[in-house]
N, C-alpha and C. Protein backbone atom coordinates (compact mmCIF):
# COMPACT_ATOMS: atom_id res chain seq x y z
N MET A 1 125.99 89.68 111.67
CA MET A 1 125.03 89.41 110.63
C MET A 1 125.41 90.11 109.34
N GLY A 2 125.95 91.33 109.46
CA GLY A 2 126.36 92.08 108.28
C GLY A 2 127.50 91.42 107.54
N ILE A 3 128.44 90.83 108.27
CA ILE A 3 129.58 90.16 107.63
C ILE A 3 129.12 88.93 106.85
N LEU A 4 128.15 88.21 107.38
CA LEU A 4 127.62 87.04 106.69
C LEU A 4 126.94 87.44 105.38
N ARG A 5 126.19 88.52 105.41
CA ARG A 5 125.52 89.00 104.20
C ARG A 5 126.56 89.43 103.17
N THR A 6 127.62 90.08 103.61
CA THR A 6 128.68 90.51 102.69
C THR A 6 129.37 89.31 102.06
N ILE A 7 129.64 88.29 102.84
CA ILE A 7 130.28 87.08 102.32
C ILE A 7 129.39 86.42 101.27
N ILE A 8 128.09 86.35 101.53
CA ILE A 8 127.17 85.73 100.58
C ILE A 8 127.14 86.53 99.27
N TRP A 9 127.09 87.86 99.36
CA TRP A 9 127.08 88.68 98.15
C TRP A 9 128.39 88.54 97.36
N VAL A 10 129.52 88.47 98.05
CA VAL A 10 130.80 88.30 97.37
C VAL A 10 130.85 86.96 96.66
N LEU A 11 130.40 85.91 97.33
CA LEU A 11 130.39 84.57 96.70
C LEU A 11 129.44 84.53 95.50
N LEU A 12 128.28 85.12 95.62
CA LEU A 12 127.33 85.15 94.51
C LEU A 12 127.90 85.92 93.32
N THR A 13 128.54 87.03 93.60
CA THR A 13 129.15 87.83 92.52
C THR A 13 130.27 87.05 91.84
N ALA A 14 131.08 86.35 92.64
CA ALA A 14 132.17 85.56 92.06
C ALA A 14 131.62 84.45 91.17
N VAL A 15 130.58 83.78 91.60
CA VAL A 15 129.98 82.71 90.79
C VAL A 15 129.43 83.27 89.49
N LEU A 16 128.77 84.43 89.55
CA LEU A 16 128.22 85.03 88.34
C LEU A 16 129.31 85.47 87.38
N VAL A 17 130.40 86.01 87.89
CA VAL A 17 131.51 86.43 87.02
C VAL A 17 132.16 85.21 86.36
N ILE A 18 132.35 84.14 87.12
CA ILE A 18 132.93 82.92 86.55
C ILE A 18 132.01 82.34 85.48
N PHE A 19 130.70 82.35 85.74
CA PHE A 19 129.72 81.86 84.77
C PHE A 19 129.77 82.70 83.49
N ALA A 20 129.83 84.03 83.66
CA ALA A 20 129.86 84.91 82.49
C ALA A 20 131.13 84.71 81.67
N MET A 21 132.27 84.54 82.34
CA MET A 21 133.53 84.35 81.61
C MET A 21 133.53 83.01 80.87
N ALA A 22 132.97 81.97 81.49
CA ALA A 22 132.96 80.65 80.86
C ALA A 22 131.98 80.60 79.68
N ASN A 23 130.97 81.45 79.66
CA ASN A 23 129.93 81.40 78.62
C ASN A 23 129.91 82.66 77.77
N TRP A 24 131.04 83.31 77.59
CA TRP A 24 131.10 84.54 76.81
C TRP A 24 131.10 84.17 75.32
N LEU A 25 129.97 83.66 74.89
CA LEU A 25 129.82 83.22 73.51
C LEU A 25 128.77 84.09 72.82
N PRO A 26 128.96 84.37 71.55
CA PRO A 26 127.93 85.13 70.84
C PRO A 26 126.73 84.24 70.53
N VAL A 27 125.56 84.79 70.72
CA VAL A 27 124.33 84.08 70.40
C VAL A 27 123.48 84.97 69.50
N THR A 28 122.69 84.32 68.68
CA THR A 28 121.79 85.05 67.79
C THR A 28 120.37 84.82 68.28
N VAL A 29 119.67 85.92 68.53
CA VAL A 29 118.31 85.85 69.03
C VAL A 29 117.39 86.46 67.99
N THR A 30 116.35 85.72 67.62
CA THR A 30 115.37 86.25 66.69
C THR A 30 114.23 86.82 67.52
N ILE A 31 114.08 88.14 67.48
CA ILE A 31 113.05 88.80 68.26
C ILE A 31 111.72 88.69 67.53
N TRP A 32 111.65 89.15 66.27
CA TRP A 32 110.51 88.99 65.38
C TRP A 32 111.06 88.49 64.05
N PRO A 33 110.22 87.98 63.23
CA PRO A 33 110.75 87.58 61.91
C PRO A 33 111.38 88.79 61.22
N GLY A 34 112.59 88.64 60.84
CA GLY A 34 113.33 89.71 60.20
C GLY A 34 114.09 90.59 61.19
N GLN A 35 113.88 90.39 62.48
CA GLN A 35 114.56 91.17 63.52
C GLN A 35 115.49 90.22 64.28
N VAL A 36 116.77 90.32 64.04
CA VAL A 36 117.75 89.43 64.65
C VAL A 36 118.70 90.26 65.50
N LEU A 37 119.02 89.72 66.69
CA LEU A 37 119.91 90.41 67.62
C LEU A 37 121.08 89.49 67.93
N ASP A 38 122.30 89.98 67.70
CA ASP A 38 123.51 89.23 68.05
C ASP A 38 124.04 89.81 69.35
N THR A 39 124.15 88.99 70.38
CA THR A 39 124.62 89.43 71.69
C THR A 39 125.38 88.30 72.37
N LYS A 40 125.96 88.61 73.49
CA LYS A 40 126.68 87.60 74.27
C LYS A 40 125.68 86.92 75.22
N LEU A 41 125.93 85.67 75.53
CA LEU A 41 125.00 84.88 76.34
C LEU A 41 124.77 85.46 77.73
N PRO A 42 125.79 85.89 78.49
CA PRO A 42 125.51 86.47 79.82
C PRO A 42 124.65 87.73 79.76
N VAL A 43 124.83 88.54 78.71
CA VAL A 43 124.02 89.73 78.56
C VAL A 43 122.56 89.34 78.33
N LEU A 44 122.35 88.33 77.52
CA LEU A 44 120.99 87.84 77.26
C LEU A 44 120.35 87.30 78.54
N ILE A 45 121.10 86.56 79.33
CA ILE A 45 120.56 86.02 80.58
C ILE A 45 120.23 87.14 81.56
N LEU A 46 121.11 88.14 81.65
CA LEU A 46 120.85 89.27 82.54
C LEU A 46 119.61 90.05 82.10
N ALA A 47 119.47 90.27 80.78
CA ALA A 47 118.29 90.98 80.27
C ALA A 47 117.02 90.19 80.56
N ALA A 48 117.04 88.88 80.38
CA ALA A 48 115.86 88.06 80.67
C ALA A 48 115.52 88.10 82.16
N PHE A 49 116.55 88.08 83.00
CA PHE A 49 116.31 88.16 84.44
C PHE A 49 115.67 89.48 84.82
N LEU A 50 116.20 90.58 84.28
CA LEU A 50 115.65 91.90 84.60
C LEU A 50 114.22 92.05 84.08
N ILE A 51 113.95 91.57 82.87
CA ILE A 51 112.59 91.65 82.33
C ILE A 51 111.62 90.83 83.18
N GLY A 52 112.06 89.71 83.69
CA GLY A 52 111.20 88.89 84.56
C GLY A 52 111.03 89.47 85.95
N SER A 53 112.01 90.27 86.39
CA SER A 53 111.94 90.86 87.73
C SER A 53 111.05 92.09 87.80
N VAL A 54 110.87 92.79 86.72
CA VAL A 54 110.11 94.04 86.73
C VAL A 54 108.67 93.86 87.21
N PRO A 55 107.90 92.88 86.73
CA PRO A 55 106.53 92.73 87.23
C PRO A 55 106.47 92.45 88.74
N MET A 56 107.37 91.64 89.24
CA MET A 56 107.38 91.35 90.67
C MET A 56 107.79 92.58 91.48
N TRP A 57 108.71 93.37 90.94
CA TRP A 57 109.12 94.60 91.63
C TRP A 57 107.95 95.57 91.70
N ILE A 58 107.20 95.69 90.60
CA ILE A 58 106.03 96.58 90.60
C ILE A 58 104.99 96.08 91.60
N ALA A 59 104.75 94.78 91.64
CA ALA A 59 103.79 94.22 92.59
C ALA A 59 104.24 94.48 94.03
N LEU A 60 105.52 94.34 94.30
CA LEU A 60 106.05 94.59 95.63
C LEU A 60 105.86 96.05 96.02
N ARG A 61 106.17 96.96 95.13
CA ARG A 61 106.03 98.39 95.43
C ARG A 61 104.58 98.78 95.69
N THR A 62 103.65 98.25 94.90
CA THR A 62 102.24 98.60 95.11
C THR A 62 101.73 98.02 96.42
N THR A 63 102.16 96.82 96.76
CA THR A 63 101.75 96.21 98.03
C THR A 63 102.31 97.01 99.20
N ARG A 64 103.57 97.38 99.14
CA ARG A 64 104.17 98.18 100.21
C ARG A 64 103.48 99.53 100.34
N TRP A 65 103.11 100.14 99.20
CA TRP A 65 102.43 101.43 99.22
C TRP A 65 101.07 101.33 99.90
N SER A 66 100.30 100.29 99.54
CA SER A 66 98.97 100.16 100.16
C SER A 66 99.08 99.81 101.64
N LEU A 67 100.03 98.98 102.02
CA LEU A 67 100.21 98.65 103.43
C LEU A 67 100.68 99.86 104.23
N LYS A 68 101.52 100.68 103.63
CA LYS A 68 101.98 101.90 104.31
C LYS A 68 100.81 102.86 104.53
N ARG A 69 99.93 102.98 103.54
CA ARG A 69 98.75 103.84 103.70
C ARG A 69 97.87 103.33 104.83
N ARG A 70 97.66 102.01 104.88
CA ARG A 70 96.82 101.43 105.95
C ARG A 70 97.48 101.63 107.31
N LEU A 71 98.78 101.47 107.39
CA LEU A 71 99.48 101.66 108.65
C LEU A 71 99.42 103.11 109.10
N ASP A 72 99.60 104.04 108.18
CA ASP A 72 99.51 105.46 108.53
C ASP A 72 98.11 105.81 109.05
N THR A 73 97.08 105.27 108.41
CA THR A 73 95.71 105.51 108.85
C THR A 73 95.50 104.95 110.25
N SER A 74 95.98 103.74 110.49
CA SER A 74 95.83 103.12 111.82
C SER A 74 96.58 103.91 112.89
N GLU A 75 97.79 104.38 112.56
CA GLU A 75 98.55 105.16 113.53
C GLU A 75 97.86 106.49 113.84
N ARG A 76 97.26 107.11 112.82
CA ARG A 76 96.51 108.35 113.06
C ARG A 76 95.31 108.10 113.97
N GLN A 77 94.59 107.00 113.73
CA GLN A 77 93.43 106.67 114.57
C GLN A 77 93.88 106.38 116.00
N LEU A 78 95.00 105.67 116.15
CA LEU A 78 95.51 105.37 117.48
C LEU A 78 95.90 106.65 118.21
N ALA A 79 96.54 107.57 117.51
CA ALA A 79 96.93 108.84 118.13
C ALA A 79 95.68 109.62 118.56
N ASP A 80 94.64 109.60 117.74
CA ASP A 80 93.39 110.28 118.11
C ASP A 80 92.77 109.65 119.35
N LEU A 81 92.76 108.32 119.39
CA LEU A 81 92.19 107.63 120.55
C LEU A 81 93.00 107.90 121.81
N ARG A 82 94.31 107.94 121.69
CA ARG A 82 95.15 108.24 122.86
C ARG A 82 94.92 109.68 123.33
N ALA A 83 94.74 110.58 122.37
CA ALA A 83 94.48 111.97 122.75
C ALA A 83 93.15 112.09 123.48
N LEU A 84 92.15 111.33 123.03
CA LEU A 84 90.86 111.36 123.72
C LEU A 84 90.96 110.75 125.11
N ALA A 85 91.74 109.69 125.25
CA ALA A 85 91.87 109.02 126.55
C ALA A 85 92.67 109.86 127.53
N ASN A 86 93.59 110.67 127.05
CA ASN A 86 94.47 111.44 127.94
C ASN A 86 94.03 112.88 128.13
N ARG A 87 92.89 113.23 127.60
CA ARG A 87 92.45 114.62 127.76
C ARG A 87 92.06 114.86 129.21
N PRO A 88 92.20 116.08 129.69
CA PRO A 88 91.83 116.37 131.08
C PRO A 88 90.32 116.26 131.26
N VAL A 89 89.95 115.75 132.41
CA VAL A 89 88.53 115.57 132.71
C VAL A 89 87.95 116.91 133.13
N GLU A 90 86.87 117.29 132.49
CA GLU A 90 86.22 118.54 132.85
C GLU A 90 85.40 118.32 134.11
N PRO A 91 85.43 119.28 135.04
CA PRO A 91 84.63 119.09 136.25
C PRO A 91 83.15 119.10 135.90
N ALA A 92 82.41 118.27 136.63
CA ALA A 92 80.98 118.19 136.38
C ALA A 92 80.31 119.48 136.82
N LEU A 93 79.38 119.90 136.06
CA LEU A 93 78.66 121.12 136.42
C LEU A 93 77.72 120.80 137.57
N THR A 94 77.84 121.54 138.66
CA THR A 94 76.95 121.33 139.81
C THR A 94 75.95 122.47 139.84
N PRO A 95 74.73 122.14 140.20
CA PRO A 95 73.73 123.21 140.26
C PRO A 95 74.08 124.19 141.37
N ALA A 96 73.65 125.38 141.20
CA ALA A 96 73.91 126.42 142.21
C ALA A 96 73.22 126.02 143.51
N PRO A 97 73.83 126.29 144.65
CA PRO A 97 73.20 125.91 145.92
C PRO A 97 71.91 126.70 146.13
N VAL A 98 70.98 125.98 146.70
CA VAL A 98 69.69 126.60 146.96
C VAL A 98 69.80 127.40 148.24
N THR A 99 69.49 128.65 148.16
CA THR A 99 69.56 129.49 149.36
C THR A 99 68.14 129.77 149.83
N THR A 100 67.98 129.70 151.09
CA THR A 100 66.67 130.02 151.66
C THR A 100 66.79 131.33 152.41
N THR A 101 65.78 132.05 152.33
CA THR A 101 65.79 133.32 153.05
C THR A 101 65.16 133.11 154.41
N ALA A 102 65.62 133.82 155.33
CA ALA A 102 65.06 133.72 156.69
C ALA A 102 63.64 134.26 156.66
N PRO A 103 62.75 133.64 157.42
CA PRO A 103 61.36 134.14 157.43
C PRO A 103 61.30 135.53 158.02
N ALA A 104 60.31 136.23 157.58
CA ALA A 104 60.14 137.60 158.08
C ALA A 104 59.88 137.56 159.58
N SER A 105 60.26 138.59 160.26
CA SER A 105 60.10 138.61 161.70
C SER A 105 58.61 138.59 162.05
N GLY A 106 58.27 137.91 163.08
CA GLY A 106 56.90 137.81 163.54
C GLY A 106 56.17 136.62 162.94
N THR A 107 56.75 135.96 161.97
CA THR A 107 56.07 134.78 161.46
C THR A 107 56.83 133.56 161.93
N ALA A 108 56.11 132.57 162.19
CA ALA A 108 56.73 131.35 162.69
C ALA A 108 57.18 130.52 161.51
N SER A 109 58.30 129.91 161.71
CA SER A 109 58.79 129.03 160.66
C SER A 109 58.15 127.67 160.84
N PRO A 110 57.82 127.05 159.78
CA PRO A 110 57.19 125.75 159.94
C PRO A 110 58.18 124.76 160.53
N THR A 111 57.73 123.98 161.43
CA THR A 111 58.57 122.98 162.06
C THR A 111 57.99 121.62 161.76
N LEU A 112 58.84 120.72 161.67
CA LEU A 112 58.41 119.33 161.44
C LEU A 112 58.29 118.63 162.78
N PRO A 113 57.29 117.80 162.91
CA PRO A 113 57.17 117.07 164.16
C PRO A 113 58.31 116.08 164.28
N LEU A 114 58.83 115.95 165.45
CA LEU A 114 59.90 114.99 165.70
C LEU A 114 59.27 113.68 166.11
N ASP A 115 59.74 112.65 165.52
CA ASP A 115 59.25 111.32 165.91
C ASP A 115 60.14 110.83 167.04
N VAL A 116 59.65 110.99 168.23
CA VAL A 116 60.41 110.53 169.38
C VAL A 116 59.61 109.39 170.00
N PRO A 117 60.17 108.30 170.21
CA PRO A 117 59.41 107.18 170.80
C PRO A 117 59.22 107.32 172.29
């Protein structure tokens, strides 16, 4: 895949160099009345391309920045949820066992009647 990308960039660069050499003509550009700029045509085309690319580059950077912030927030929330899910379970608190004292000597302990058929 890398070799294909390199071939495409080399071909694009060659086409642009051939275009620039074939059109290396001076042009006069009137920026404002009384403000005239003499430059070569490929330089003018490159400047126009760069000026047109700047707003889209800024839009791309701001979109990537906001998406990165949202992704970082989501990853933090996911890590918190995983930490909560993987925490050790605390043992349930059990009430202390009820201890009965033996009845004092000489007193009868109450007995329950047995239901025997």
